[in-house]
Every structure is written in C-alpha cells, then in structure tokens.
Amino acid sequence: MLKGERGYVTIFVLVILVVIGSLLPLFIRLVTNELQITANYRQMVQEDYWQEGLQVIGGHQVTVELGEQLTDQLVTREELAEVSVTGEEEINSELQDEVIKVDYRVVEIVDQATQVNLNLHSQEMLESLPNIGETLAERIITNRNYDDQAEILKLAGIDQTTYQNIKDYITVDSTGKINLNTACQTVLQTLSEIGETLAKEIVTYRQEKGRYTEIEQLKDVTGIGDGTYKQVKDLITVEPALLQVNIEIEQADQKYNKRMVLDLGG
C-alpha cells in the first residue's frame, strides 16, 4: 500500500471513530430512555391492576353491607342519607409480601329514580328545573340520546354555572318514573300540576307518615285530589331504580373513588 493511501485509510478510520464516539452517547441515552419508559409503563400497568383490585374488594364489601342494611326494597331519601358503611379489609399481598389494609366508606347513595331523565321526560318537566326555561328545554330535547348528563354542556346557553345548578337533579339512566320516597322537592315539583307547595307537602307526608307503599297514597297528601293524581300517576313510583353508590377507598394514603350500581330488587 502506498504511503498516500495509508494516510487516507488513517483519516477514514479516524472519521469513523469520531462519528461513533459522537453517536455512542446518543445511543446510550436512547436505550436508557427506552428502558425507563418500559419500566414506567410496567409500573403503571401494575398500579392500574392494583387500583382495580382494591376497588373490586372495597366494592364487594360495600355491596354485602348495604344488602344487610337495606333489607326492604322500599326506602326513603331520608333513610338512604342515614346509611353508613365504613370498614377495613386486610389483603395478603404475595407481590409485596405483606398484609395490606384497605379502608372503604360510602360517600353517597343516589336513587336514579330521583332525577329528571334528559332522554325521556317532557319539555314541561325540563323547563321546571332551576335555570332551565322554554328555550333550553327545547334545545335539550332536540339533541337527545345523551350517554352522559354532562353532554348538555355542549349546548348553547348551558354553561358550567347552569350545569352545576341542575346536575344533581338530572340523569340519563332511569326508567323515567320519579320515586315518591326518594325524590327531593325540586324534582317533585317538575311533575305536571305539582308546584313548589305540593312538592313540599309530598316530602312532609313521607317524613311524618313514613314510606309511600303505593302510588295511590299520593291522594292522601294535602292539596292533591283525583285530577292531579291522574296527571302524574304514570310518572311516579314508590320503588327505587338502581342505586348509584359512590365509594371512597383508601390504602397507604392513596385514595380511589369508585361508582357502583346496586339493585335492591336483585
């Protein structure tokens, strides 16, 4: 090999070494990042499964205890508000090789038959909701087939303030009948011929006399006669729909929220 050719080879080798030297740290960083991403993803999946497992365990315990407390299918709003379910469950974790303590409690129980159904109820009932008049009620009906009540936020004229004012009174899941035993005054007064005064009387009756056991008892309420009863009888019930139970689960200072559904008739 000629002397000049050896020089070119040396230069070429040096160039290759320089390129490799400059790319090697980048390659190492890429590999390290990839390994870190993989580790993070694995940890995230494990945490998701762990969280789901805690929710299943807590949900099962709540279902058992609620079943023991709510032995009668007929239950009033006031009785639901008094229901208290709290407890602690211990889990033998092979993964963490220790006993894990899980605390759970019921935050709220809502009968789905206590709310106005955005998909089913009349314009008159929708108009009677706080801050919902004729225009917004028509708009809600025009855009029906809601999968979630928050979807009405997409409608012109309904902002967060309006939504917050009515979110506790609306649903998309109920059968459409309003439960005389669990509905609040605001929802009861959306019924045809039932205004603020009669709605208050309906609530007072159950608080003083106890549960409604049949819808015909509505005629025993002061101010409600046969005419008013005929107007609302197809829209009322004395039995709850599915109960929406909101649960808080805590483990090692980590809190998780779970929403489950309970069927008293099931």
C-alpha atoms as a PDB file:
ATOM      1  CA  MET A   1       0.000   0.000   0.000  1.00  0.00           C
ATOM      2  CA  LEU A   2       1.344   3.380  -0.954  1.00  0.00           C
ATOM      3  CA  LYS A   3       2.179   5.901   1.715  1.00  0.00           C
ATOM      4  CA  GLY A   4      -0.538   8.290   0.486  1.00  0.00           C
ATOM      5  CA  GLU A   5      -3.142   5.543   0.545  1.00  0.00           C
ATOM      6  CA  ARG A   6      -2.212   4.638   4.115  1.00  0.00           C
ATOM      7  CA  GLY A   7      -2.832   8.248   5.060  1.00  0.00           C
ATOM      8  CA  TYR A   8      -6.320   8.186   3.556  1.00  0.00           C
ATOM      9  CA  VAL A   9      -7.109   4.978   5.433  1.00  0.00           C
ATOM     10  CA  THR A  10      -5.926   6.502   8.681  1.00  0.00           C
ATOM     11  CA  ILE A  11      -8.077   9.579   8.121  1.00  0.00           C
ATOM     12  CA  PHE A  12     -11.074   7.400   7.247  1.00  0.00           C
ATOM     13  CA  VAL A  13     -10.645   5.329  10.405  1.00  0.00           C
ATOM     14  CA  LEU A  14     -10.331   8.467  12.498  1.00  0.00           C
ATOM     15  CA  VAL A  15     -13.505   9.885  10.959  1.00  0.00           C
ATOM     16  CA  ILE A  16     -15.370   6.632  11.729  1.00  0.00           C
ATOM     17  CA  LEU A  17     -14.124   6.678  15.317  1.00  0.00           C
ATOM     18  CA  VAL A  18     -15.168  10.311  15.733  1.00  0.00           C
ATOM     19  CA  VAL A  19     -18.649   9.567  14.356  1.00  0.00           C
ATOM     20  CA  ILE A  20     -19.023   6.517  16.590  1.00  0.00           C
ATOM     21  CA  GLY A  21     -17.748   8.485  19.565  1.00  0.00           C
ATOM     22  CA  SER A  22     -20.319  11.234  18.964  1.00  0.00           C
ATOM     23  CA  LEU A  23     -23.223   8.846  18.340  1.00  0.00           C
ATOM     24  CA  LEU A  24     -22.491   6.433  21.175  1.00  0.00           C
ATOM     25  CA  PRO A  25     -23.715   8.732  23.999  1.00  0.00           C
ATOM     26  CA  LEU A  26     -26.885   9.412  21.994  1.00  0.00           C
ATOM     27  CA  PHE A  27     -27.439   5.684  21.501  1.00  0.00           C
ATOM     28  CA  ILE A  28     -26.881   5.041  25.196  1.00  0.00           C
ATOM     29  CA  ARG A  29     -29.375   7.782  26.102  1.00  0.00           C
ATOM     30  CA  LEU A  30     -31.945   6.332  23.705  1.00  0.00           C
ATOM     31  CA  VAL A  31     -31.552   2.847  25.149  1.00  0.00           C
ATOM     32  CA  THR A  32     -31.706   4.197  28.708  1.00  0.00           C
ATOM     33  CA  ASN A  33     -34.837   6.220  27.923  1.00  0.00           C
ATOM     34  CA  GLU A  34     -36.454   3.209  26.292  1.00  0.00           C
ATOM     35  CA  LEU A  35     -35.713   1.061  29.334  1.00  0.00           C
ATOM     36  CA  GLN A  36     -37.083   3.777  31.620  1.00  0.00           C
ATOM     37  CA  ILE A  37     -40.244   4.106  29.534  1.00  0.00           C
ATOM     38  CA  THR A  38     -40.720   0.343  29.635  1.00  0.00           C
ATOM     39  CA  ALA A  39     -40.219   0.294  33.411  1.00  0.00           C
ATOM     40  CA  ASN A  40     -42.639   3.197  33.893  1.00  0.00           C
ATOM     41  CA  TYR A  41     -45.227   1.514  31.685  1.00  0.00           C
ATOM     42  CA  ARG A  42     -44.869  -1.747  33.610  1.00  0.00           C
ATOM     43  CA  GLN A  43     -45.277   0.116  36.898  1.00  0.00           C
ATOM     44  CA  MET A  44     -48.297   2.000  35.549  1.00  0.00           C
ATOM     45  CA  VAL A  45     -49.962  -1.261  34.463  1.00  0.00           C
ATOM     46  CA  GLN A  46     -49.257  -2.809  37.861  1.00  0.00           C
ATOM     47  CA  GLU A  47     -50.717   0.241  39.624  1.00  0.00           C
ATOM     48  CA  ASP A  48     -53.808   0.127  37.395  1.00  0.00           C
ATOM     49  CA  TYR A  49     -54.371  -3.543  38.202  1.00  0.00           C
ATOM     50  CA  TRP A  50     -53.706  -2.873  41.876  1.00  0.00           C
ATOM     51  CA  GLN A  51     -56.147   0.030  41.932  1.00  0.00           C
ATOM     52  CA  GLU A  52     -58.772  -2.023  40.110  1.00  0.00           C
ATOM     53  CA  GLY A  53     -58.263  -4.865  42.579  1.00  0.00           C
ATOM     54  CA  LEU A  54     -58.727  -2.544  45.551  1.00  0.00           C
ATOM     55  CA  GLN A  55     -61.924  -1.182  44.011  1.00  0.00           C
ATOM     56  CA  VAL A  56     -63.295  -4.686  43.458  1.00  0.00           C
ATOM     57  CA  ILE A  57     -62.554  -5.678  47.053  1.00  0.00           C
ATOM     58  CA  GLY A  58     -63.981  -2.470  48.511  1.00  0.00           C
ATOM     59  CA  GLY A  59     -66.997  -2.640  46.214  1.00  0.00           C
ATOM     60  CA  HIS A  60     -67.735  -6.220  47.238  1.00  0.00           C
ATOM     61  CA  GLN A  61     -67.632  -5.365  50.938  1.00  0.00           C
ATOM     62  CA  VAL A  62     -69.900  -2.362  50.431  1.00  0.00           C
ATOM     63  CA  THR A  63     -72.391  -4.464  48.452  1.00  0.00           C
ATOM     64  CA  VAL A  64     -72.546  -7.050  51.228  1.00  0.00           C
ATOM     65  CA  GLU A  65     -73.020  -4.470  53.990  1.00  0.00           C
ATOM     66  CA  LEU A  66     -75.582  -2.413  52.061  1.00  0.00           C
ATOM     67  CA  GLY A  67     -77.522  -5.600  51.371  1.00  0.00           C
ATOM     68  CA  GLU A  68     -77.660  -6.206  55.118  1.00  0.00           C
ATOM     69  CA  GLN A  69     -78.789  -2.654  55.902  1.00  0.00           C
ATOM     70  CA  LEU A  70     -81.246  -2.129  53.055  1.00  0.00           C
ATOM     71  CA  THR A  71     -83.363  -5.221  53.552  1.00  0.00           C
ATOM     72  CA  ASP A  72     -86.575  -3.581  52.346  1.00  0.00           C
ATOM     73  CA  GLN A  73     -86.938  -2.618  48.698  1.00  0.00           C
ATOM     74  CA  LEU A  74     -88.944   0.421  49.762  1.00  0.00           C
ATOM     75  CA  VAL A  75     -86.632   3.051  51.203  1.00  0.00           C
ATOM     76  CA  THR A  76     -86.924   6.820  51.641  1.00  0.00           C
ATOM     77  CA  ARG A  77     -84.477   9.561  50.787  1.00  0.00           C
ATOM     78  CA  GLU A  78     -84.046  10.240  54.478  1.00  0.00           C
ATOM     79  CA  GLU A  79     -83.233   6.574  55.186  1.00  0.00           C
ATOM     80  CA  LEU A  80     -80.632   6.488  52.401  1.00  0.00           C
ATOM     81  CA  ALA A  81     -78.984   9.591  53.866  1.00  0.00           C
ATOM     82  CA  GLU A  82     -78.627   7.804  57.209  1.00  0.00           C
ATOM     83  CA  VAL A  83     -76.975   4.715  55.748  1.00  0.00           C
ATOM     84  CA  SER A  84     -73.383   4.434  56.950  1.00  0.00           C
ATOM     85  CA  VAL A  85     -70.936   1.909  55.578  1.00  0.00           C
ATOM     86  CA  THR A  86     -67.289   2.076  56.618  1.00  0.00           C
ATOM     87  CA  GLY A  87     -64.790  -0.683  57.169  1.00  0.00           C
ATOM     88  CA  GLU A  88     -61.347  -2.115  56.771  1.00  0.00           C
ATOM     89  CA  GLU A  89     -60.250  -5.159  54.812  1.00  0.00           C
ATOM     90  CA  GLU A  90     -56.897  -6.927  55.052  1.00  0.00           C
ATOM     91  CA  ILE A  91     -55.278  -8.422  51.957  1.00  0.00           C
ATOM     92  CA  ASN A  92     -52.359 -10.856  51.922  1.00  0.00           C
ATOM     93  CA  SER A  93     -50.222  -9.496  49.093  1.00  0.00           C
ATOM     94  CA  GLU A  94     -47.796 -12.037  47.621  1.00  0.00           C
ATOM     95  CA  LEU A  95     -46.442  -9.324  45.327  1.00  0.00           C
ATOM     96  CA  GLN A  96     -45.470  -7.043  48.200  1.00  0.00           C
ATOM     97  CA  ASP A  97     -45.024  -9.886  50.724  1.00  0.00           C
ATOM     98  CA  GLU A  98     -47.072  -8.151  53.379  1.00  0.00           C
ATOM     99  CA  VAL A  99     -50.593  -7.662  54.692  1.00  0.00           C
ATOM    100  CA  ILE A 100     -52.263  -4.665  53.061  1.00  0.00           C
ATOM    101  CA  LYS A 101     -55.004  -2.768  54.874  1.00  0.00           C
ATOM    102  CA  VAL A 102     -57.746  -1.204  52.773  1.00  0.00           C
ATOM    103  CA  ASP A 103     -60.252   1.294  54.198  1.00  0.00           C
ATOM    104  CA  TYR A 104     -63.558   1.885  52.446  1.00  0.00           C
ATOM    105  CA  ARG A 105     -66.614   4.038  53.011  1.00  0.00           C
ATOM    106  CA  VAL A 106     -69.798   5.015  51.238  1.00  0.00           C
ATOM    107  CA  VAL A 107     -69.790   8.697  50.354  1.00  0.00           C
ATOM    108  CA  GLU A 108     -73.224   8.965  48.779  1.00  0.00           C
ATOM    109  CA  ILE A 109     -76.167   6.843  47.640  1.00  0.00           C
ATOM    110  CA  VAL A 110     -78.392   8.200  44.890  1.00  0.00           C
ATOM    111  CA  ASP A 111     -81.579   6.568  43.644  1.00  0.00           C
ATOM    112  CA  GLN A 112     -81.667   7.037  39.865  1.00  0.00           C
ATOM    113  CA  ALA A 113     -85.448   7.427  40.143  1.00  0.00           C
ATOM    114  CA  THR A 114     -84.953  10.740  41.939  1.00  0.00           C
ATOM    115  CA  GLN A 115     -83.877  12.642  38.844  1.00  0.00           C
ATOM    116  CA  VAL A 116     -85.319  14.067  35.673  1.00  0.00           C
ATOM    117  CA  ASN A 117     -84.246  11.977  32.680  1.00  0.00           C
ATOM    118  CA  LEU A 118     -82.791  14.125  29.898  1.00  0.00           C
ATOM    119  CA  ASN A 119     -83.665  11.466  27.319  1.00  0.00           C
ATOM    120  CA  LEU A 120     -87.230  10.696  28.402  1.00  0.00           C
ATOM    121  CA  HIS A 121     -89.008  13.411  30.296  1.00  0.00           C
ATOM    122  CA  SER A 122     -91.244  16.096  28.842  1.00  0.00           C
ATOM    123  CA  GLN A 123     -90.353  19.652  27.963  1.00  0.00           C
ATOM    124  CA  GLU A 124     -92.610  20.814  30.795  1.00  0.00           C
ATOM    125  CA  MET A 125     -90.563  18.872  33.347  1.00  0.00           C
ATOM    126  CA  LEU A 126     -87.265  20.084  31.913  1.00  0.00           C
ATOM    127  CA  GLU A 127     -88.482  23.692  31.960  1.00  0.00           C
ATOM    128  CA  SER A 128     -89.212  23.358  35.672  1.00  0.00           C
ATOM    129  CA  LEU A 129     -85.570  22.643  36.517  1.00  0.00           C
ATOM    130  CA  PRO A 130     -83.574  25.533  38.036  1.00  0.00           C
ATOM    131  CA  ASN A 131     -82.360  27.999  35.378  1.00  0.00           C
ATOM    132  CA  ILE A 132     -83.872  25.932  32.524  1.00  0.00           C
ATOM    133  CA  GLY A 133     -86.625  27.688  30.667  1.00  0.00           C
ATOM    134  CA  GLU A 134     -88.511  27.002  27.459  1.00  0.00           C
ATOM    135  CA  THR A 135     -85.604  27.671  25.083  1.00  0.00           C
ATOM    136  CA  LEU A 136     -83.060  25.477  26.844  1.00  0.00           C
ATOM    137  CA  ALA A 137     -85.628  22.725  27.407  1.00  0.00           C
ATOM    138  CA  GLU A 138     -86.362  22.646  23.667  1.00  0.00           C
ATOM    139  CA  ARG A 139     -82.636  22.552  22.937  1.00  0.00           C
ATOM    140  CA  ILE A 140     -82.122  19.616  25.311  1.00  0.00           C
ATOM    141  CA  ILE A 141     -84.924  17.654  23.656  1.00  0.00           C
ATOM    142  CA  THR A 142     -83.690  18.418  20.131  1.00  0.00           C
ATOM    143  CA  ASN A 143     -80.257  16.976  20.939  1.00  0.00           C
ATOM    144  CA  ARG A 144     -81.450  13.844  22.752  1.00  0.00           C
ATOM    145  CA  ASN A 145     -79.778  10.422  23.009  1.00  0.00           C
ATOM    146  CA  TYR A 146     -77.334  11.534  25.689  1.00  0.00           C
ATOM    147  CA  ASP A 147     -74.903   8.948  27.056  1.00  0.00           C
ATOM    148  CA  ASP A 148     -73.807  11.200  29.901  1.00  0.00           C
ATOM    149  CA  GLN A 149     -75.590  14.086  31.567  1.00  0.00           C
ATOM    150  CA  ALA A 150     -72.530  16.338  31.177  1.00  0.00           C
ATOM    151  CA  GLU A 151     -73.076  16.279  27.399  1.00  0.00           C
ATOM    152  CA  ILE A 152     -75.592  19.109  27.760  1.00  0.00           C
ATOM    153  CA  LEU A 153     -72.610  21.389  28.393  1.00  0.00           C
ATOM    154  CA  LYS A 154     -72.108  21.269  24.630  1.00  0.00           C
ATOM    155  CA  LEU A 155     -75.447  23.004  24.123  1.00  0.00           C
ATOM    156  CA  ALA A 156     -75.541  26.742  23.555  1.00  0.00           C
ATOM    157  CA  GLY A 157     -76.789  28.540  26.644  1.00  0.00           C
ATOM    158  CA  ILE A 158     -75.740  25.897  29.159  1.00  0.00           C
ATOM    159  CA  ASP A 159     -72.525  26.848  30.903  1.00  0.00           C
ATOM    160  CA  GLN A 160     -70.822  25.405  33.972  1.00  0.00           C
ATOM    161  CA  THR A 161     -72.907  27.537  36.322  1.00  0.00           C
ATOM    162  CA  THR A 162     -76.186  26.328  34.829  1.00  0.00           C
ATOM    163  CA  TYR A 163     -74.962  22.737  34.780  1.00  0.00           C
ATOM    164  CA  GLN A 164     -73.824  22.825  38.409  1.00  0.00           C
ATOM    165  CA  ASN A 165     -77.265  24.127  39.397  1.00  0.00           C
ATOM    166  CA  ILE A 166     -79.071  21.139  37.860  1.00  0.00           C
ATOM    167  CA  LYS A 167     -76.576  18.238  37.771  1.00  0.00           C
ATOM    168  CA  ASP A 168     -77.940  16.667  40.968  1.00  0.00           C
ATOM    169  CA  TYR A 169     -81.458  16.665  39.526  1.00  0.00           C
ATOM    170  CA  ILE A 170     -80.808  15.074  36.134  1.00  0.00           C
ATOM    171  CA  THR A 171     -79.859  11.661  34.778  1.00  0.00           C
ATOM    172  CA  VAL A 172     -79.704   9.700  31.525  1.00  0.00           C
ATOM    173  CA  ASP A 173     -80.169   6.233  33.048  1.00  0.00           C
ATOM    174  CA  SER A 174     -83.522   5.997  34.841  1.00  0.00           C
ATOM    175  CA  THR A 175     -86.739   4.387  33.613  1.00  0.00           C
ATOM    176  CA  GLY A 176     -88.401   7.777  33.678  1.00  0.00           C
ATOM    177  CA  LYS A 177     -90.522   7.318  36.791  1.00  0.00           C
ATOM    178  CA  ILE A 178     -89.996   9.551  39.819  1.00  0.00           C
ATOM    179  CA  ASN A 179     -89.842   7.835  43.207  1.00  0.00           C
ATOM    180  CA  LEU A 180     -92.123   9.472  45.773  1.00  0.00           C
ATOM    181  CA  ASN A 181     -89.966   8.038  48.545  1.00  0.00           C
ATOM    182  CA  THR A 182     -86.585   9.319  47.421  1.00  0.00           C
ATOM    183  CA  ALA A 183     -87.149  12.351  45.167  1.00  0.00           C
ATOM    184  CA  CYS A 184     -86.363  15.792  46.540  1.00  0.00           C
ATOM    185  CA  GLN A 185     -88.741  18.738  46.447  1.00  0.00           C
ATOM    186  CA  THR A 186     -87.009  20.279  43.429  1.00  0.00           C
ATOM    187  CA  VAL A 187     -87.579  17.175  41.284  1.00  0.00           C
ATOM    188  CA  LEU A 188     -91.107  16.520  42.558  1.00  0.00           C
ATOM    189  CA  GLN A 189     -92.219  19.995  41.550  1.00  0.00           C
ATOM    190  CA  THR A 190     -91.262  19.278  37.928  1.00  0.00           C
ATOM    191  CA  LEU A 191     -94.230  16.883  37.740  1.00  0.00           C
ATOM    192  CA  SER A 192     -97.337  18.139  35.981  1.00  0.00           C
ATOM    193  CA  GLU A 193     -99.706  20.024  38.304  1.00  0.00           C
ATOM    194  CA  ILE A 194     -97.185  19.720  41.160  1.00  0.00           C
ATOM    195  CA  GLY A 195     -95.652  23.026  42.111  1.00  0.00           C
ATOM    196  CA  GLU A 196     -93.476  24.090  44.998  1.00  0.00           C
ATOM    197  CA  THR A 197     -96.244  23.891  47.617  1.00  0.00           C
ATOM    198  CA  LEU A 198     -97.480  20.404  46.728  1.00  0.00           C
ATOM    199  CA  ALA A 199     -93.945  19.096  46.311  1.00  0.00           C
ATOM    200  CA  LYS A 200     -93.205  20.250  49.844  1.00  0.00           C
ATOM    201  CA  GLU A 201     -96.360  18.517  51.083  1.00  0.00           C
ATOM    202  CA  ILE A 202     -95.295  15.243  49.426  1.00  0.00           C
ATOM    203  CA  VAL A 203     -91.943  15.349  51.213  1.00  0.00           C
ATOM    204  CA  THR A 204     -93.564  16.321  54.537  1.00  0.00           C
ATOM    205  CA  TYR A 205     -96.028  13.417  54.249  1.00  0.00           C
ATOM    206  CA  ARG A 206     -93.295  10.777  53.943  1.00  0.00           C
ATOM    207  CA  GLN A 207     -91.267  12.381  56.718  1.00  0.00           C
ATOM    208  CA  GLU A 208     -94.242  12.316  59.070  1.00  0.00           C
ATOM    209  CA  LYS A 209     -96.124   9.196  57.918  1.00  0.00           C
ATOM    210  CA  GLY A 210     -93.250   7.078  56.647  1.00  0.00           C
ATOM    211  CA  ARG A 211     -92.720   5.406  53.286  1.00  0.00           C
ATOM    212  CA  TYR A 212     -95.249   5.505  50.486  1.00  0.00           C
ATOM    213  CA  THR A 213     -96.128   1.867  49.860  1.00  0.00           C
ATOM    214  CA  GLU A 214     -98.304   2.506  46.798  1.00  0.00           C
ATOM    215  CA  ILE A 215     -98.665   5.436  44.441  1.00  0.00           C
ATOM    216  CA  GLU A 216    -102.372   5.864  45.338  1.00  0.00           C
ATOM    217  CA  GLN A 217    -101.250   7.244  48.694  1.00  0.00           C
ATOM    218  CA  LEU A 218    -100.366  10.427  46.868  1.00  0.00           C
ATOM    219  CA  LYS A 219    -104.066  11.313  47.065  1.00  0.00           C
ATOM    220  CA  ASP A 220    -103.722  11.368  50.872  1.00  0.00           C
ATOM    221  CA  VAL A 221    -101.385  14.339  50.613  1.00  0.00           C
ATOM    222  CA  THR A 222    -102.992  17.660  51.436  1.00  0.00           C
ATOM    223  CA  GLY A 223    -103.979  19.507  48.244  1.00  0.00           C
ATOM    224  CA  ILE A 224    -103.764  16.540  45.868  1.00  0.00           C
ATOM    225  CA  GLY A 225    -107.040  15.220  44.500  1.00  0.00           C
ATOM    226  CA  ASP A 226    -108.097  12.767  41.808  1.00  0.00           C
ATOM    227  CA  GLY A 227    -107.412  15.242  38.998  1.00  0.00           C
ATOM    228  CA  THR A 228    -103.812  15.916  39.973  1.00  0.00           C
ATOM    229  CA  TYR A 229    -103.226  12.236  40.675  1.00  0.00           C
ATOM    230  CA  LYS A 230    -104.394  11.244  37.184  1.00  0.00           C
ATOM    231  CA  GLN A 231    -101.969  13.773  35.687  1.00  0.00           C
ATOM    232  CA  VAL A 232     -98.924  12.241  37.385  1.00  0.00           C
ATOM    233  CA  LYS A 233     -99.741   8.583  38.128  1.00  0.00           C
ATOM    234  CA  ASP A 234     -97.896   7.279  35.053  1.00  0.00           C
ATOM    235  CA  LEU A 235     -94.776   9.221  36.021  1.00  0.00           C
ATOM    236  CA  ILE A 236     -94.415   8.130  39.636  1.00  0.00           C
ATOM    237  CA  THR A 237     -93.388   5.041  41.597  1.00  0.00           C
ATOM    238  CA  VAL A 238     -92.682   4.081  45.193  1.00  0.00           C
ATOM    239  CA  GLU A 239     -89.783   1.759  44.349  1.00  0.00           C
ATOM    240  CA  PRO A 240     -86.194   2.824  43.709  1.00  0.00           C
ATOM    241  CA  ALA A 241     -84.472   2.278  40.411  1.00  0.00           C
ATOM    242  CA  LEU A 242     -80.866   1.154  40.541  1.00  0.00           C
ATOM    243  CA  LEU A 243     -78.982   2.842  43.367  1.00  0.00           C
ATOM    244  CA  GLN A 244     -75.805   4.656  42.391  1.00  0.00           C
ATOM    245  CA  VAL A 245     -73.315   4.185  45.223  1.00  0.00           C
ATOM    246  CA  ASN A 246     -70.232   6.398  45.384  1.00  0.00           C
ATOM    247  CA  ILE A 247     -67.396   4.821  47.374  1.00  0.00           C
ATOM    248  CA  GLU A 248     -64.058   6.128  48.623  1.00  0.00           C
ATOM    249  CA  ILE A 249     -61.271   3.566  49.032  1.00  0.00           C
ATOM    250  CA  GLU A 250     -58.006   4.392  50.813  1.00  0.00           C
ATOM    251  CA  GLN A 251     -54.772   2.416  51.014  1.00  0.00           C
ATOM    252  CA  ALA A 252     -51.441   3.784  52.249  1.00  0.00           C
ATOM    253  CA  ASP A 253     -52.593   7.427  51.963  1.00  0.00           C
ATOM    254  CA  GLN A 254     -53.757   6.818  48.383  1.00  0.00           C
ATOM    255  CA  LYS A 255     -57.458   7.472  47.783  1.00  0.00           C
ATOM    256  CA  TYR A 256     -59.509   5.992  44.963  1.00  0.00           C
ATOM    257  CA  ASN A 257     -63.115   6.691  44.021  1.00  0.00           C
ATOM    258  CA  LYS A 258     -65.449   4.045  42.674  1.00  0.00           C
ATOM    259  CA  ARG A 259     -69.021   4.305  41.456  1.00  0.00           C
ATOM    260  CA  MET A 260     -71.114   1.168  41.522  1.00  0.00           C
ATOM    261  CA  VAL A 261     -74.744   0.253  40.990  1.00  0.00           C
ATOM    262  CA  LEU A 262     -76.915  -1.681  43.444  1.00  0.00           C
ATOM    263  CA  ASP A 263     -80.273  -3.246  42.635  1.00  0.00           C
ATOM    264  CA  LEU A 264     -82.405  -3.635  45.761  1.00  0.00           C
ATOM    265  CA  GLY A 265     -84.764  -5.869  43.849  1.00  0.00           C
ATOM    266  CA  GLY A 266     -81.964  -8.136  42.668  1.00  0.00           C
END
